[in-house]
Amino acid sequence: MLVTSGAPSTAPSTAPLLALEGVSVRFGGLQALRDVSFAVSPGEIVGLIGPNGAGKTTAFNVACGFVRPTSGRVILPAAGVTNPRATQLARAGVARTLQGVGLFPHATVLENVMAGGQIRPGGGFVAGFLGLPRAIRAERQL
């Protein structure tokens, strides 16, 4: 899961971009999540670690708006929205990446990272081929 803000802030902020508070999810008789809380602040990268069946995917699905919590709430503080829909989360910059190892075996680590970074704004094949300043900036950010 990746959470970004729409515009860079010049002042440090401790207010979270996204928060889950006391989230529980039940699928019939199965308790997938119980009272899960976490927040993602600007500049943070958050990962969930746990064994199979621990609820990691369900937590991501709740945070991205794909699954509604049985109880608790998802909060987008900047938008003043509680339990936002997936479309509202996407507009706020919440995106999910799925694990899919698709490396180019004959490329270097840097080349593989750069290939994955082409989805970022400012890059792109044509801009890179032409050496446009925005493509050079995007490459340096990688």
Protein backbone atom coordinates (compact mmCIF):
# COMPACT_ATOMS: atom_id res chain seq x y z
CA MET A 1 0.00 0.00 0.00
CA LEU A 2 1.28 3.39 -0.85
CA VAL A 3 -0.15 6.59 0.56
CA THR A 4 0.85 9.93 -0.89
CA SER A 5 -0.38 13.45 -0.42
CA GLY A 6 -1.50 15.54 -3.35
CA ALA A 7 1.11 18.26 -2.87
CA PRO A 8 4.37 18.37 -0.96
CA SER A 9 4.19 20.19 2.34
CA THR A 10 6.84 22.68 3.39
CA ALA A 11 5.95 22.42 7.08
CA PRO A 12 6.46 19.22 9.05
CA SER A 13 3.19 17.54 9.87
CA THR A 14 2.35 14.81 12.31
CA ALA A 15 -1.28 14.53 11.21
CA PRO A 16 -1.82 11.17 9.51
CA LEU A 17 -2.83 10.95 5.87
CA LEU A 18 -4.80 7.77 6.58
CA ALA A 19 -5.81 6.07 9.83
CA LEU A 20 -7.57 2.87 10.84
CA GLU A 21 -9.11 2.96 14.31
CA GLY A 22 -10.42 -0.15 16.04
CA VAL A 23 -11.16 -1.91 12.75
CA SER A 24 -12.68 -5.37 12.90
CA VAL A 25 -13.81 -7.48 9.95
CA ARG A 26 -15.88 -10.64 10.01
CA PHE A 27 -16.59 -12.87 7.04
CA GLY A 28 -19.51 -14.94 8.30
CA GLY A 29 -18.15 -16.82 11.32
CA LEU A 30 -14.52 -15.95 10.57
CA GLN A 31 -12.94 -13.07 12.50
CA ALA A 32 -10.39 -11.75 9.96
CA LEU A 33 -9.42 -8.60 11.91
CA ARG A 34 -10.03 -7.61 15.51
CA ASP A 35 -9.53 -4.06 16.76
CA VAL A 36 -6.74 -3.09 14.34
CA SER A 37 -5.43 0.47 14.55
CA PHE A 38 -2.62 2.19 12.70
CA ALA A 39 -1.91 5.49 11.01
CA VAL A 40 0.19 6.50 8.03
CA SER A 41 1.84 9.91 8.30
CA PRO A 42 3.40 11.93 5.47
CA GLY A 43 6.64 10.40 4.23
CA GLU A 44 6.07 7.05 5.93
CA ILE A 45 6.19 3.68 4.26
CA VAL A 46 4.13 1.17 6.22
CA GLY A 47 4.34 -2.59 5.94
CA LEU A 48 2.41 -5.33 7.70
CA ILE A 49 4.22 -8.50 8.68
CA GLY A 50 2.63 -11.70 9.90
CA PRO A 51 1.99 -15.36 9.17
CA ASN A 52 -0.46 -16.64 6.59
CA GLY A 53 -4.03 -16.01 7.70
CA ALA A 54 -3.12 -13.20 10.10
CA GLY A 55 -5.27 -10.63 8.27
CA LYS A 56 -2.62 -8.64 6.37
CA THR A 57 -4.50 -8.71 3.07
CA THR A 58 -7.79 -7.90 4.78
CA ALA A 59 -6.18 -4.91 6.52
CA PHE A 60 -4.86 -3.64 3.18
CA ASN A 61 -8.26 -4.21 1.58
CA VAL A 62 -9.94 -2.17 4.32
CA ALA A 63 -7.33 0.61 4.06
CA CYS A 64 -7.87 0.78 0.28
CA GLY A 65 -11.67 0.73 0.52
CA PHE A 66 -12.15 -2.69 -1.08
CA VAL A 67 -13.61 -4.19 2.12
CA ARG A 68 -15.85 -2.30 4.56
CA PRO A 69 -15.05 -2.82 8.23
CA THR A 70 -17.61 -4.65 10.36
CA SER A 71 -16.74 -2.19 13.12
CA GLY A 72 -14.24 0.61 13.62
CA ARG A 73 -13.41 3.26 11.08
CA VAL A 74 -11.07 4.34 8.31
CA ILE A 75 -10.28 8.05 8.40
CA LEU A 76 -8.93 10.47 5.81
CA PRO A 77 -8.22 13.42 8.14
CA ALA A 78 -7.34 15.94 5.42
CA ALA A 79 -10.63 15.29 3.61
CA GLY A 80 -12.64 15.03 6.82
CA VAL A 81 -14.02 11.69 5.62
CA THR A 82 -14.74 8.61 7.71
CA ASN A 83 -15.08 5.18 6.06
CA PRO A 84 -14.35 6.55 2.58
CA ARG A 85 -15.18 4.64 -0.58
CA ALA A 86 -12.37 3.26 -2.75
CA THR A 87 -12.85 6.13 -5.22
CA GLN A 88 -12.41 8.74 -2.46
CA LEU A 89 -9.26 7.00 -1.27
CA ALA A 90 -7.86 6.90 -4.81
CA ARG A 91 -8.53 10.63 -5.25
CA ALA A 92 -6.69 11.23 -1.96
CA GLY A 93 -3.64 9.38 -3.31
CA VAL A 94 -4.08 5.99 -1.64
CA ALA A 95 -2.89 3.26 -3.99
CA ARG A 96 -2.13 -0.40 -3.64
CA THR A 97 0.56 -2.38 -5.35
CA LEU A 98 0.26 -6.12 -5.61
CA GLN A 99 3.21 -8.41 -5.13
CA GLY A 100 4.29 -9.69 -8.48
CA VAL A 101 7.91 -10.55 -8.99
CA GLY A 102 8.56 -9.80 -12.62
CA LEU A 103 12.24 -8.97 -12.84
CA PHE A 104 14.23 -8.69 -16.02
CA PRO A 105 16.88 -11.38 -15.43
CA HIS A 106 19.60 -9.77 -17.58
CA ALA A 107 19.09 -6.24 -16.23
CA THR A 108 20.88 -4.69 -13.27
CA VAL A 109 19.12 -3.94 -9.99
CA LEU A 110 19.02 -0.25 -10.92
CA GLU A 111 17.53 -1.02 -14.35
CA ASN A 112 14.83 -3.21 -12.76
CA VAL A 113 13.95 -0.48 -10.25
CA MET A 114 13.85 2.13 -13.01
CA ALA A 115 11.55 -0.08 -15.13
CA GLY A 116 9.11 -0.29 -12.23
CA GLY A 117 9.38 3.45 -11.67
CA GLN A 118 8.06 4.28 -15.11
CA ILE A 119 4.52 4.46 -13.74
CA ARG A 120 5.52 7.58 -11.84
CA PRO A 121 4.48 10.94 -13.29
CA GLY A 122 7.13 12.70 -15.34
CA GLY A 123 8.75 9.57 -16.67
CA GLY A 124 7.59 7.56 -19.61
CA PHE A 125 9.25 6.07 -22.62
CA VAL A 126 8.87 9.03 -25.00
CA ALA A 127 9.97 11.61 -22.40
CA GLY A 128 12.97 9.44 -21.49
CA PHE A 129 13.89 8.80 -25.11
CA LEU A 130 13.79 12.53 -25.86
CA GLY A 131 15.72 13.35 -22.68
CA LEU A 132 13.10 15.82 -21.49
CA PRO A 133 13.91 17.59 -18.21
CA ARG A 134 10.86 16.08 -16.47
CA ALA A 135 12.07 12.57 -17.38
CA ILE A 136 15.57 13.33 -16.09
CA ARG A 137 14.09 14.66 -12.80
CA ALA A 138 11.90 11.54 -12.45
CA GLU A 139 14.92 9.31 -13.07
CA ARG A 140 16.98 11.12 -10.43
CA GLN A 141 14.16 10.70 -7.90
CA LEU A 142 14.34 6.94 -8.34
